[in-house]
Amino acid sequence: MKNITLKIDAETYRKARIRAAQEGTSVSAMVRKFLIAQADEDDGRQARRVAALEELYRLAEARGQARTEPLKPFTRNEIYAERLR
């Protein structure tokens, strides 16, 4: 386990000590619990992002049409002709 040093004002520390005592724990344990919760929340967000992207790709694949030949890129004239309309 790693040790960290935090600097907080005296009033915040006093309130944290009171709360820790009420919960039967230490300020260090409260900070540890908070940091673990933050990391887990970030992991959950990332998992939800990946799941949403996978669903988006699945829907795109379902709607897509199979092509027998590769797409042909637009020419420069075709691109600019669209802008001039």
PDB file of N, CA and C in Angstrom:
ATOM      1  N   MET A   1       0.832  -1.163   0.000  1.00  0.00           N
ATOM      2  CA  MET A   1       0.000   0.000   0.000  1.00  0.00           C
ATOM      3  C   MET A   1       0.889   1.244   0.000  1.00  0.00           C
ATOM      4  N   LYS A   2       0.457   2.278  -0.708  1.00  0.00           N
ATOM      5  CA  LYS A   2       1.206   3.533  -0.791  1.00  0.00           C
ATOM      6  C   LYS A   2       0.673   4.526   0.233  1.00  0.00           C
ATOM      7  N   ASN A   3       1.562   5.372   0.731  1.00  0.00           N
ATOM      8  CA  ASN A   3       1.183   6.464   1.626  1.00  0.00           C
ATOM      9  C   ASN A   3       1.131   7.752   0.834  1.00  0.00           C
ATOM     10  N   ILE A   4       0.168   8.612   1.180  1.00  0.00           N
ATOM     11  CA  ILE A   4       0.090   9.928   0.563  1.00  0.00           C
ATOM     12  C   ILE A   4      -0.029  10.972   1.680  1.00  0.00           C
ATOM     13  N   THR A   5       0.357  12.190   1.363  1.00  0.00           N
ATOM     14  CA  THR A   5       0.240  13.295   2.309  1.00  0.00           C
ATOM     15  C   THR A   5      -0.706  14.325   1.720  1.00  0.00           C
ATOM     16  N   LEU A   6      -1.679  14.744   2.524  1.00  0.00           N
ATOM     17  CA  LEU A   6      -2.645  15.750   2.093  1.00  0.00           C
ATOM     18  C   LEU A   6      -2.537  16.969   2.996  1.00  0.00           C
ATOM     19  N   LYS A   7      -2.759  18.129   2.413  1.00  0.00           N
ATOM     20  CA  LYS A   7      -2.813  19.350   3.206  1.00  0.00           C
ATOM     21  C   LYS A   7      -4.230  19.895   3.117  1.00  0.00           C
ATOM     22  N   ILE A   8      -4.872  20.008   4.285  1.00  0.00           N
ATOM     23  CA  ILE A   8      -6.219  20.574   4.352  1.00  0.00           C
ATOM     24  C   ILE A   8      -6.266  21.541   5.526  1.00  0.00           C
ATOM     25  N   ASP A   9      -7.255  22.411   5.508  1.00  0.00           N
ATOM     26  CA  ASP A   9      -7.359  23.375   6.600  1.00  0.00           C
ATOM     27  C   ASP A   9      -7.825  22.680   7.883  1.00  0.00           C
ATOM     28  N   ALA A  10      -7.580  23.332   9.000  1.00  0.00           N
ATOM     29  CA  ALA A  10      -7.846  22.749  10.317  1.00  0.00           C
ATOM     30  C   ALA A  10      -9.330  22.435  10.521  1.00  0.00           C
ATOM     31  N   GLU A  11     -10.211  23.309  10.048  1.00  0.00           N
ATOM     32  CA  GLU A  11     -11.643  23.086  10.252  1.00  0.00           C
ATOM     33  C   GLU A  11     -12.131  21.857   9.482  1.00  0.00           C
ATOM     34  N   THR A  12     -11.671  21.691   8.264  1.00  0.00           N
ATOM     35  CA  THR A  12     -12.049  20.513   7.472  1.00  0.00           C
ATOM     36  C   THR A  12     -11.549  19.238   8.149  1.00  0.00           C
ATOM     37  N   TYR A  13     -10.322  19.280   8.644  1.00  0.00           N
ATOM     38  CA  TYR A  13      -9.763  18.110   9.330  1.00  0.00           C
ATOM     39  C   TYR A  13     -10.554  17.789  10.597  1.00  0.00           C
ATOM     40  N   ARG A  14     -10.936  18.824  11.336  1.00  0.00           N
ATOM     41  CA  ARG A  14     -11.720  18.616  12.562  1.00  0.00           C
ATOM     42  C   ARG A  14     -13.047  17.933  12.236  1.00  0.00           C
ATOM     43  N   LYS A  15     -13.729  18.438  11.201  1.00  0.00           N
ATOM     44  CA  LYS A  15     -15.007  17.843  10.792  1.00  0.00           C
ATOM     45  C   LYS A  15     -14.823  16.404  10.315  1.00  0.00           C
ATOM     46  N   ALA A  16     -13.736  16.151   9.602  1.00  0.00           N
ATOM     47  CA  ALA A  16     -13.466  14.793   9.111  1.00  0.00           C
ATOM     48  C   ALA A  16     -13.216  13.844  10.277  1.00  0.00           C
ATOM     49  N   ARG A  17     -12.479  14.293  11.285  1.00  0.00           N
ATOM     50  CA  ARG A  17     -12.207  13.451  12.455  1.00  0.00           C
ATOM     51  C   ARG A  17     -13.492  13.133  13.212  1.00  0.00           C
ATOM     52  N   ILE A  18     -14.363  14.126  13.345  1.00  0.00           N
ATOM     53  CA  ILE A  18     -15.646  13.905  14.033  1.00  0.00           C
ATOM     54  C   ILE A  18     -16.477  12.881  13.268  1.00  0.00           C
ATOM     55  N   ARG A  19     -16.554  13.069  11.966  1.00  0.00           N
ATOM     56  CA  ARG A  19     -17.343  12.133  11.142  1.00  0.00           C
ATOM     57  C   ARG A  19     -16.755  10.730  11.185  1.00  0.00           C
ATOM     58  N   ALA A  20     -15.444  10.633  11.098  1.00  0.00           N
ATOM     59  CA  ALA A  20     -14.792   9.321  11.169  1.00  0.00           C
ATOM     60  C   ALA A  20     -15.100   8.648  12.504  1.00  0.00           C
ATOM     61  N   ALA A  21     -15.050   9.406  13.591  1.00  0.00           N
ATOM     62  CA  ALA A  21     -15.352   8.843  14.912  1.00  0.00           C
ATOM     63  C   ALA A  21     -16.801   8.363  14.971  1.00  0.00           C
ATOM     64  N   GLN A  22     -17.717   9.137  14.389  1.00  0.00           N
ATOM     65  CA  GLN A  22     -19.125   8.740  14.371  1.00  0.00           C
ATOM     66  C   GLN A  22     -19.331   7.442  13.599  1.00  0.00           C
ATOM     67  N   GLU A  23     -18.538   7.248  12.548  1.00  0.00           N
ATOM     68  CA  GLU A  23     -18.657   6.048  11.717  1.00  0.00           C
ATOM     69  C   GLU A  23     -17.766   4.914  12.211  1.00  0.00           C
ATOM     70  N   GLY A  24     -16.995   5.169  13.268  1.00  0.00           N
ATOM     71  CA  GLY A  24     -16.129   4.130  13.823  1.00  0.00           C
ATOM     72  C   GLY A  24     -14.966   3.778  12.906  1.00  0.00           C
ATOM     73  N   THR A  25     -14.423   4.778  12.236  1.00  0.00           N
ATOM     74  CA  THR A  25     -13.322   4.549  11.310  1.00  0.00           C
ATOM     75  C   THR A  25     -12.302   5.667  11.471  1.00  0.00           C
ATOM     76  N   SER A  26     -11.354   5.724  10.571  1.00  0.00           N
ATOM     77  CA  SER A  26     -10.332   6.772  10.612  1.00  0.00           C
ATOM     78  C   SER A  26     -10.486   7.685   9.400  1.00  0.00           C
ATOM     79  N   VAL A  27      -9.876   8.851   9.475  1.00  0.00           N
ATOM     80  CA  VAL A  27      -9.879   9.774   8.337  1.00  0.00           C
ATOM     81  C   VAL A  27      -9.186   9.106   7.153  1.00  0.00           C
ATOM     82  N   SER A  28      -8.092   8.394   7.415  1.00  0.00           N
ATOM     83  CA  SER A  28      -7.385   7.703   6.322  1.00  0.00           C
ATOM     84  C   SER A  28      -8.288   6.692   5.627  1.00  0.00           C
ATOM     85  N   ALA A  29      -9.060   5.949   6.421  1.00  0.00           N
ATOM     86  CA  ALA A  29      -9.964   4.956   5.832  1.00  0.00           C
ATOM     87  C   ALA A  29     -11.060   5.634   5.018  1.00  0.00           C
ATOM     88  N   MET A  30     -11.545   6.787   5.506  1.00  0.00           N
ATOM     89  CA  MET A  30     -12.564   7.521   4.746  1.00  0.00           C
ATOM     90  C   MET A  30     -12.010   8.014   3.413  1.00  0.00           C
ATOM     91  N   VAL A  31     -10.794   8.548   3.432  1.00  0.00           N
ATOM     92  CA  VAL A  31     -10.170   9.030   2.197  1.00  0.00           C
ATOM     93  C   VAL A  31      -9.941   7.856   1.249  1.00  0.00           C
ATOM     94  N   ARG A  32      -9.452   6.731   1.780  1.00  0.00           N
ATOM     95  CA  ARG A  32      -9.222   5.540   0.955  1.00  0.00           C
ATOM     96  C   ARG A  32     -10.520   5.088   0.296  1.00  0.00           C
ATOM     97  N   LYS A  33     -11.597   5.028   1.084  1.00  0.00           N
ATOM     98  CA  LYS A  33     -12.897   4.606   0.562  1.00  0.00           C
ATOM     99  C   LYS A  33     -13.369   5.554  -0.549  1.00  0.00           C
ATOM    100  N   PHE A  34     -13.176   6.866  -0.326  1.00  0.00           N
ATOM    101  CA  PHE A  34     -13.568   7.855  -1.328  1.00  0.00           C
ATOM    102  C   PHE A  34     -12.790   7.660  -2.631  1.00  0.00           C
ATOM    103  N   LEU A  35     -11.476   7.492  -2.527  1.00  0.00           N
ATOM    104  CA  LEU A  35     -10.644   7.348  -3.727  1.00  0.00           C
ATOM    105  C   LEU A  35     -10.975   6.063  -4.479  1.00  0.00           C
ATOM    106  N   ILE A  36     -11.242   4.995  -3.758  1.00  0.00           N
ATOM    107  CA  ILE A  36     -11.631   3.731  -4.410  1.00  0.00           C
ATOM    108  C   ILE A  36     -12.948   3.912  -5.144  1.00  0.00           C
ATOM    109  N   ALA A  37     -13.905   4.596  -4.505  1.00  0.00           N
ATOM    110  CA  ALA A  37     -15.204   4.829  -5.152  1.00  0.00           C
ATOM    111  C   ALA A  37     -15.039   5.644  -6.425  1.00  0.00           C
ATOM    112  N   GLN A  38     -14.161   6.651  -6.399  1.00  0.00           N
ATOM    113  CA  GLN A  38     -13.925   7.468  -7.588  1.00  0.00           C
ATOM    114  C   GLN A  38     -13.340   6.638  -8.718  1.00  0.00           C
ATOM    115  N   ALA A  39     -12.373   5.778  -8.393  1.00  0.00           N
ATOM    116  CA  ALA A  39     -11.751   4.929  -9.416  1.00  0.00           C
ATOM    117  C   ALA A  39     -12.765   3.952  -9.995  1.00  0.00           C
ATOM    118  N   ASP A  40     -13.603   3.369  -9.127  1.00  0.00           N
ATOM    119  CA  ASP A  40     -14.624   2.430  -9.595  1.00  0.00           C
ATOM    120  C   ASP A  40     -15.651   3.129 -10.483  1.00  0.00           C
ATOM    121  N   GLU A  41     -16.001   4.367 -10.122  1.00  0.00           N
ATOM    122  CA  GLU A  41     -16.948   5.125 -10.930  1.00  0.00           C
ATOM    123  C   GLU A  41     -16.375   5.396 -12.318  1.00  0.00           C
ATOM    124  N   ASP A  42     -15.090   5.740 -12.383  1.00  0.00           N
ATOM    125  CA  ASP A  42     -14.441   5.965 -13.671  1.00  0.00           C
ATOM    126  C   ASP A  42     -14.437   4.691 -14.510  1.00  0.00           C
ATOM    127  N   ASP A  43     -14.171   3.549 -13.863  1.00  0.00           N
ATOM    128  CA  ASP A  43     -14.191   2.270 -14.574  1.00  0.00           C
ATOM    129  C   ASP A  43     -15.585   1.982 -15.118  1.00  0.00           C
ATOM    130  N   GLY A  44     -16.610   2.281 -14.321  1.00  0.00           N
ATOM    131  CA  GLY A  44     -17.995   2.059 -14.751  1.00  0.00           C
ATOM    132  C   GLY A  44     -18.362   2.938 -15.930  1.00  0.00           C
ATOM    133  N   ARG A  45     -17.924   4.208 -15.883  1.00  0.00           N
ATOM    134  CA  ARG A  45     -18.189   5.110 -17.002  1.00  0.00           C
ATOM    135  C   ARG A  45     -17.538   4.600 -18.277  1.00  0.00           C
ATOM    136  N   GLN A  46     -16.302   4.150 -18.150  1.00  0.00           N
ATOM    137  CA  GLN A  46     -15.586   3.641 -19.324  1.00  0.00           C
ATOM    138  C   GLN A  46     -16.291   2.409 -19.882  1.00  0.00           C
ATOM    139  N   ALA A  47     -16.741   1.531 -19.005  1.00  0.00           N
ATOM    140  CA  ALA A  47     -17.445   0.328 -19.459  1.00  0.00           C
ATOM    141  C   ALA A  47     -18.748   0.698 -20.168  1.00  0.00           C
ATOM    142  N   ARG A  48     -19.464   1.701 -19.647  1.00  0.00           N
ATOM    143  CA  ARG A  48     -20.700   2.139 -20.304  1.00  0.00           C
ATOM    144  C   ARG A  48     -20.416   2.764 -21.661  1.00  0.00           C
ATOM    145  N   ARG A  49     -19.303   3.521 -21.773  1.00  0.00           N
ATOM    146  CA  ARG A  49     -18.924   4.110 -23.067  1.00  0.00           C
ATOM    147  C   ARG A  49     -18.640   3.017 -24.091  1.00  0.00           C
ATOM    148  N   VAL A  50     -17.869   2.016 -23.681  1.00  0.00           N
ATOM    149  CA  VAL A  50     -17.523   0.923 -24.594  1.00  0.00           C
ATOM    150  C   VAL A  50     -18.786   0.185 -25.024  1.00  0.00           C
ATOM    151  N   ALA A  51     -19.684  -0.092 -24.087  1.00  0.00           N
ATOM    152  CA  ALA A  51     -20.927  -0.792 -24.422  1.00  0.00           C
ATOM    153  C   ALA A  51     -21.770   0.032 -25.391  1.00  0.00           C
ATOM    154  N   ALA A  52     -21.827   1.344 -25.189  1.00  0.00           N
ATOM    155  CA  ALA A  52     -22.605   2.202 -26.086  1.00  0.00           C
ATOM    156  C   ALA A  52     -22.004   2.213 -27.486  1.00  0.00           C
ATOM    157  N   LEU A  53     -20.685   2.272 -27.575  1.00  0.00           N
ATOM    158  CA  LEU A  53     -20.035   2.236 -28.891  1.00  0.00           C
ATOM    159  C   LEU A  53     -20.253   0.904 -29.586  1.00  0.00           C
ATOM    160  N   GLU A  54     -20.157  -0.178 -28.834  1.00  0.00           N
ATOM    161  CA  GLU A  54     -20.397  -1.498 -29.435  1.00  0.00           C
ATOM    162  C   GLU A  54     -21.820  -1.603 -29.969  1.00  0.00           C
ATOM    163  N   GLU A  55     -22.792  -1.055 -29.220  1.00  0.00           N
ATOM    164  CA  GLU A  55     -24.182  -1.064 -29.684  1.00  0.00           C
ATOM    165  C   GLU A  55     -24.334  -0.206 -30.933  1.00  0.00           C
ATOM    166  N   LEU A  56     -23.683   0.947 -30.951  1.00  0.00           N
ATOM    167  CA  LEU A  56     -23.730   1.818 -32.126  1.00  0.00           C
ATOM    168  C   LEU A  56     -23.158   1.110 -33.352  1.00  0.00           C
ATOM    169  N   TYR A  57     -22.018   0.451 -33.183  1.00  0.00           N
ATOM    170  CA  TYR A  57     -21.420  -0.289 -34.298  1.00  0.00           C
ATOM    171  C   TYR A  57     -22.330  -1.434 -34.747  1.00  0.00           C
ATOM    172  N   ARG A  58     -22.975  -2.113 -33.795  1.00  0.00           N
ATOM    173  CA  ARG A  58     -23.877  -3.210 -34.142  1.00  0.00           C
ATOM    174  C   ARG A  58     -25.044  -2.681 -34.971  1.00  0.00           C
ATOM    175  N   LEU A  59     -25.621  -1.544 -34.542  1.00  0.00           N
ATOM    176  CA  LEU A  59     -26.729  -0.952 -35.296  1.00  0.00           C
ATOM    177  C   LEU A  59     -26.288  -0.494 -36.686  1.00  0.00           C
ATOM    178  N   ALA A  60     -25.101   0.081 -36.769  1.00  0.00           N
ATOM    179  CA  ALA A  60     -24.585   0.522 -38.071  1.00  0.00           C
ATOM    180  C   ALA A  60     -24.380  -0.669 -38.995  1.00  0.00           C
ATOM    181  N   GLU A  61     -23.854  -1.750 -38.465  1.00  0.00           N
ATOM    182  CA  GLU A  61     -23.656  -2.958 -39.274  1.00  0.00           C
ATOM    183  C   GLU A  61     -24.992  -3.514 -39.746  1.00  0.00           C
ATOM    184  N   ALA A  62     -26.001  -3.501 -38.877  1.00  0.00           N
ATOM    185  CA  ALA A  62     -27.311  -4.035 -39.238  1.00  0.00           C
ATOM    186  C   ALA A  62     -27.964  -3.200 -40.337  1.00  0.00           C
ATOM    187  N   ARG A  63     -27.739  -1.890 -40.313  1.00  0.00           N
ATOM    188  CA  ARG A  63     -28.337  -1.011 -41.318  1.00  0.00           C
ATOM    189  C   ARG A  63     -27.519  -0.936 -42.599  1.00  0.00           C
ATOM    190  N   GLY A  64     -26.255  -1.225 -42.496  1.00  0.00           N
ATOM    191  CA  GLY A  64     -25.366  -1.104 -43.652  1.00  0.00           C
ATOM    192  C   GLY A  64     -25.710  -2.091 -44.750  1.00  0.00           C
ATOM    193  N   GLN A  65     -25.344  -1.730 -45.945  1.00  0.00           N
ATOM    194  CA  GLN A  65     -25.558  -2.610 -47.084  1.00  0.00           C
ATOM    195  C   GLN A  65     -24.216  -3.209 -47.491  1.00  0.00           C
ATOM    196  N   ALA A  66     -24.264  -4.464 -47.822  1.00  0.00           N
ATOM    197  CA  ALA A  66     -23.036  -5.121 -48.277  1.00  0.00           C
ATOM    198  C   ALA A  66     -22.651  -4.563 -49.641  1.00  0.00           C
ATOM    199  N   ARG A  67     -21.402  -4.256 -49.807  1.00  0.00           N
ATOM    200  CA  ARG A  67     -20.907  -3.718 -51.078  1.00  0.00           C
ATOM    201  C   ARG A  67     -20.039  -4.768 -51.750  1.00  0.00           C
ATOM    202  N   THR A  68     -20.194  -4.841 -53.046  1.00  0.00           N
ATOM    203  CA  THR A  68     -19.381  -5.794 -53.797  1.00  0.00           C
ATOM    204  C   THR A  68     -18.084  -5.151 -54.263  1.00  0.00           C
ATOM    205  N   GLU A  69     -18.070  -3.807 -54.324  1.00  0.00           N
ATOM    206  CA  GLU A  69     -16.859  -3.110 -54.730  1.00  0.00           C
ATOM    207  C   GLU A  69     -16.570  -1.988 -53.725  1.00  0.00           C
ATOM    208  N   PRO A  70     -15.329  -1.586 -53.600  1.00  0.00           N
ATOM    209  CA  PRO A  70     -14.995  -0.556 -52.625  1.00  0.00           C
ATOM    210  C   PRO A  70     -15.582   0.799 -53.007  1.00  0.00           C
ATOM    211  N   LEU A  71     -15.763   1.644 -51.998  1.00  0.00           N
ATOM    212  CA  LEU A  71     -16.252   2.999 -52.253  1.00  0.00           C
ATOM    213  C   LEU A  71     -15.219   3.797 -53.033  1.00  0.00           C
ATOM    214  N   LYS A  72     -15.689   4.613 -53.933  1.00  0.00           N
ATOM    215  CA  LYS A  72     -14.806   5.462 -54.725  1.00  0.00           C
ATOM    216  C   LYS A  72     -14.805   6.846 -54.094  1.00  0.00           C
ATOM    217  N   PRO A  73     -13.636   7.384 -53.756  1.00  0.00           N
ATOM    218  CA  PRO A  73     -13.606   8.719 -53.143  1.00  0.00           C
ATOM    219  C   PRO A  73     -14.067   9.779 -54.124  1.00  0.00           C
ATOM    220  N   PHE A  74     -14.625  10.868 -53.574  1.00  0.00           N
ATOM    221  CA  PHE A  74     -15.025  11.993 -54.408  1.00  0.00           C
ATOM    222  C   PHE A  74     -13.796  12.638 -55.025  1.00  0.00           C
ATOM    223  N   THR A  75     -14.000  13.192 -56.198  1.00  0.00           N
ATOM    224  CA  THR A  75     -12.928  13.980 -56.814  1.00  0.00           C
ATOM    225  C   THR A  75     -12.991  15.388 -56.237  1.00  0.00           C
ATOM    226  N   ARG A  76     -11.947  16.147 -56.455  1.00  0.00           N
ATOM    227  CA  ARG A  76     -11.908  17.519 -55.964  1.00  0.00           C
ATOM    228  C   ARG A  76     -13.054  18.336 -56.568  1.00  0.00           C
ATOM    229  N   ASN A  77     -13.301  18.158 -57.837  1.00  0.00           N
ATOM    230  CA  ASN A  77     -14.378  18.899 -58.508  1.00  0.00           C
ATOM    231  C   ASN A  77     -15.750  18.540 -57.913  1.00  0.00           C
ATOM    232  N   GLU A  78     -15.961  17.287 -57.594  1.00  0.00           N
ATOM    233  CA  GLU A  78     -17.247  16.876 -56.998  1.00  0.00           C
ATOM    234  C   GLU A  78     -17.427  17.513 -55.616  1.00  0.00           C
ATOM    235  N   ILE A  79     -16.367  17.605 -54.880  1.00  0.00           N
ATOM    236  CA  ILE A  79     -16.450  18.196 -53.537  1.00  0.00           C
ATOM    237  C   ILE A  79     -16.801  19.679 -53.644  1.00  0.00           C
ATOM    238  N   TYR A  80     -16.100  20.403 -54.500  1.00  0.00           N
ATOM    239  CA  TYR A  80     -16.339  21.822 -54.620  1.00  0.00           C
ATOM    240  C   TYR A  80     -17.664  22.122 -55.332  1.00  0.00           C
ATOM    241  N   ALA A  81     -18.104  21.274 -56.231  1.00  0.00           N
ATOM    242  CA  ALA A  81     -19.390  21.473 -56.906  1.00  0.00           C
ATOM    243  C   ALA A  81     -20.512  21.435 -55.880  1.00  0.00           C
ATOM    244  N   GLU A  82     -20.412  20.593 -54.882  1.00  0.00           N
ATOM    245  CA  GLU A  82     -21.423  20.518 -53.831  1.00  0.00           C
ATOM    246  C   GLU A  82     -21.485  21.822 -53.034  1.00  0.00           C
ATOM    247  N   ARG A  83     -20.339  22.447 -52.786  1.00  0.00           N
ATOM    248  CA  ARG A  83     -20.301  23.704 -52.034  1.00  0.00           C
ATOM    249  C   ARG A  83     -20.900  24.865 -52.813  1.00  0.00           C
ATOM    250  N   LEU A  84     -20.825  24.810 -54.134  1.00  0.00           N
ATOM    251  CA  LEU A  84     -21.281  25.927 -54.956  1.00  0.00           C
ATOM    252  C   LEU A  84     -22.795  25.929 -55.174  1.00  0.00           C
ATOM    253  N   ARG A  85     -23.468  24.907 -54.803  1.00  0.00           N
ATOM    254  CA  ARG A  85     -24.929  24.835 -55.023  1.00  0.00           C
ATOM    255  C   ARG A  85     -25.668  25.775 -54.152  1.00  0.00           C
TER     256      ARG A  85
END
